[in-house]
Amino acid sequence: MVYDCFQFFNELDMLYIRMKVLNDVVDRFVVSE
């Protein structure tokens, strides 16, 4: 299982791009504020 952990602070465009690009290879996204 592959996790992608990252910090998020009001960067909706980057979040959208990251999730679209990595969606096929990552099983779970872990977002921290």
PDB file of N, CA and C in Angstrom:
ATOM      1  N   MET A   1       0.845  -1.172   0.000  1.00  0.00           N
ATOM      2  CA  MET A   1       0.000   0.000   0.000  1.00  0.00           C
ATOM      3  C   MET A   1       0.898   1.245   0.000  1.00  0.00           C
ATOM      4  N   VAL A   2       0.568   2.206  -0.831  1.00  0.00           N
ATOM      5  CA  VAL A   2       1.374   3.419  -0.980  1.00  0.00           C
ATOM      6  C   VAL A   2       0.592   4.613  -0.437  1.00  0.00           C
ATOM      7  N   TYR A   3       1.237   5.341   0.470  1.00  0.00           N
ATOM      8  CA  TYR A   3       0.649   6.545   1.044  1.00  0.00           C
ATOM      9  C   TYR A   3       1.396   7.767   0.531  1.00  0.00           C
ATOM     10  N   ASP A   4       0.677   8.835   0.306  1.00  0.00           N
ATOM     11  CA  ASP A   4       1.281  10.119  -0.029  1.00  0.00           C
ATOM     12  C   ASP A   4       0.898  11.094   1.076  1.00  0.00           C
ATOM     13  N   CYS A   5       1.890  11.497   1.875  1.00  0.00           N
ATOM     14  CA  CYS A   5       1.648  12.406   2.994  1.00  0.00           C
ATOM     15  C   CYS A   5       2.209  13.778   2.651  1.00  0.00           C
ATOM     16  N   PHE A   6       1.415  14.796   2.875  1.00  0.00           N
ATOM     17  CA  PHE A   6       1.881  16.144   2.566  1.00  0.00           C
ATOM     18  C   PHE A   6       1.134  17.164   3.402  1.00  0.00           C
ATOM     19  N   GLN A   7       1.753  18.331   3.520  1.00  0.00           N
ATOM     20  CA  GLN A   7       1.132  19.432   4.247  1.00  0.00           C
ATOM     21  C   GLN A   7       0.341  20.293   3.280  1.00  0.00           C
ATOM     22  N   PHE A   8      -0.763  20.786   3.776  1.00  0.00           N
ATOM     23  CA  PHE A   8      -1.641  21.606   2.945  1.00  0.00           C
ATOM     24  C   PHE A   8      -1.986  22.889   3.683  1.00  0.00           C
ATOM     25  N   PHE A   9      -1.851  24.007   2.975  1.00  0.00           N
ATOM     26  CA  PHE A   9      -2.297  25.280   3.538  1.00  0.00           C
ATOM     27  C   PHE A   9      -2.778  26.178   2.408  1.00  0.00           C
ATOM     28  N   ASN A  10      -4.060  26.112   2.122  1.00  0.00           N
ATOM     29  CA  ASN A  10      -4.702  27.046   1.209  1.00  0.00           C
ATOM     30  C   ASN A  10      -4.152  27.010  -0.223  1.00  0.00           C
ATOM     31  N   GLU A  11      -3.652  25.867  -0.670  1.00  0.00           N
ATOM     32  CA  GLU A  11      -3.098  25.735  -2.022  1.00  0.00           C
ATOM     33  C   GLU A  11      -3.961  24.755  -2.811  1.00  0.00           C
ATOM     34  N   LEU A  12      -5.155  25.156  -3.112  1.00  0.00           N
ATOM     35  CA  LEU A  12      -6.118  24.248  -3.736  1.00  0.00           C
ATOM     36  C   LEU A  12      -5.690  23.788  -5.120  1.00  0.00           C
ATOM     37  N   ASP A  13      -5.080  24.653  -5.899  1.00  0.00           N
ATOM     38  CA  ASP A  13      -4.633  24.265  -7.239  1.00  0.00           C
ATOM     39  C   ASP A  13      -3.566  23.176  -7.175  1.00  0.00           C
ATOM     40  N   MET A  14      -2.605  23.346  -6.280  1.00  0.00           N
ATOM     41  CA  MET A  14      -1.546  22.346  -6.135  1.00  0.00           C
ATOM     42  C   MET A  14      -2.097  21.026  -5.606  1.00  0.00           C
ATOM     43  N   LEU A  15      -3.049  21.103  -4.702  1.00  0.00           N
ATOM     44  CA  LEU A  15      -3.676  19.891  -4.179  1.00  0.00           C
ATOM     45  C   LEU A  15      -4.390  19.135  -5.293  1.00  0.00           C
ATOM     46  N   TYR A  16      -5.137  19.841  -6.101  1.00  0.00           N
ATOM     47  CA  TYR A  16      -5.861  19.226  -7.212  1.00  0.00           C
ATOM     48  C   TYR A  16      -4.895  18.566  -8.200  1.00  0.00           C
ATOM     49  N   ILE A  17      -3.849  19.267  -8.574  1.00  0.00           N
ATOM     50  CA  ILE A  17      -2.868  18.723  -9.525  1.00  0.00           C
ATOM     51  C   ILE A  17      -2.181  17.496  -8.942  1.00  0.00           C
ATOM     52  N   ARG A  18      -1.760  17.586  -7.695  1.00  0.00           N
ATOM     53  CA  ARG A  18      -1.070  16.466  -7.052  1.00  0.00           C
ATOM     54  C   ARG A  18      -1.950  15.218  -7.003  1.00  0.00           C
ATOM     55  N   MET A  19      -3.211  15.392  -6.633  1.00  0.00           N
ATOM     56  CA  MET A  19      -4.106  14.244  -6.527  1.00  0.00           C
ATOM     57  C   MET A  19      -4.445  13.661  -7.893  1.00  0.00           C
ATOM     58  N   LYS A  20      -4.563  14.487  -8.903  1.00  0.00           N
ATOM     59  CA  LYS A  20      -4.834  13.998 -10.260  1.00  0.00           C
ATOM     60  C   LYS A  20      -3.651  13.215 -10.816  1.00  0.00           C
ATOM     61  N   VAL A  21      -2.452  13.749 -10.636  1.00  0.00           N
ATOM     62  CA  VAL A  21      -1.248  13.123 -11.192  1.00  0.00           C
ATOM     63  C   VAL A  21      -0.932  11.809 -10.479  1.00  0.00           C
ATOM     64  N   LEU A  22      -1.073  11.783  -9.165  1.00  0.00           N
ATOM     65  CA  LEU A  22      -0.665  10.610  -8.385  1.00  0.00           C
ATOM     66  C   LEU A  22      -1.789   9.610  -8.124  1.00  0.00           C
ATOM     67  N   ASN A  23      -2.960   9.880  -8.589  1.00  0.00           N
ATOM     68  CA  ASN A  23      -4.114   9.040  -8.281  1.00  0.00           C
ATOM     69  C   ASN A  23      -3.930   7.578  -8.696  1.00  0.00           C
ATOM     70  N   ASP A  24      -3.256   7.323  -9.785  1.00  0.00           N
ATOM     71  CA  ASP A  24      -3.090   5.948 -10.271  1.00  0.00           C
ATOM     72  C   ASP A  24      -2.050   5.148  -9.491  1.00  0.00           C
ATOM     73  N   VAL A  25      -1.130   5.816  -8.811  1.00  0.00           N
ATOM     74  CA  VAL A  25      -0.050   5.105  -8.127  1.00  0.00           C
ATOM     75  C   VAL A  25      -0.143   5.140  -6.605  1.00  0.00           C
ATOM     76  N   VAL A  26      -0.991   6.007  -6.066  1.00  0.00           N
ATOM     77  CA  VAL A  26      -1.112   6.149  -4.611  1.00  0.00           C
ATOM     78  C   VAL A  26      -2.434   5.545  -4.153  1.00  0.00           C
ATOM     79  N   ASP A  27      -2.361   4.790  -3.046  1.00  0.00           N
ATOM     80  CA  ASP A  27      -3.574   4.180  -2.498  1.00  0.00           C
ATOM     81  C   ASP A  27      -4.329   5.130  -1.565  1.00  0.00           C
ATOM     82  N   ARG A  28      -3.583   5.865  -0.754  1.00  0.00           N
ATOM     83  CA  ARG A  28      -4.203   6.789   0.205  1.00  0.00           C
ATOM     84  C   ARG A  28      -3.432   8.108   0.236  1.00  0.00           C
ATOM     85  N   PHE A  29      -4.194   9.191   0.350  1.00  0.00           N
ATOM     86  CA  PHE A  29      -3.599  10.510   0.530  1.00  0.00           C
ATOM     87  C   PHE A  29      -3.807  10.923   1.981  1.00  0.00           C
ATOM     88  N   VAL A  30      -2.734  11.380   2.602  1.00  0.00           N
ATOM     89  CA  VAL A  30      -2.798  11.857   3.984  1.00  0.00           C
ATOM     90  C   VAL A  30      -2.437  13.332   3.965  1.00  0.00           C
ATOM     91  N   VAL A  31      -3.396  14.167   4.362  1.00  0.00           N
ATOM     92  CA  VAL A  31      -3.207  15.617   4.305  1.00  0.00           C
ATOM     93  C   VAL A  31      -3.110  16.160   5.725  1.00  0.00           C
ATOM     94  N   SER A  32      -2.093  16.970   5.946  1.00  0.00           N
ATOM     95  CA  SER A  32      -1.902  17.608   7.245  1.00  0.00           C
ATOM     96  C   SER A  32      -1.970  19.113   7.077  1.00  0.00           C
ATOM     97  N   GLU A  33      -2.573  19.774   8.035  1.00  0.00           N
ATOM     98  CA  GLU A  33      -2.656  21.236   7.974  1.00  0.00           C
ATOM     99  C   GLU A  33      -1.677  21.859   8.915  1.00  0.00           C
TER     100      GLU A  33
END
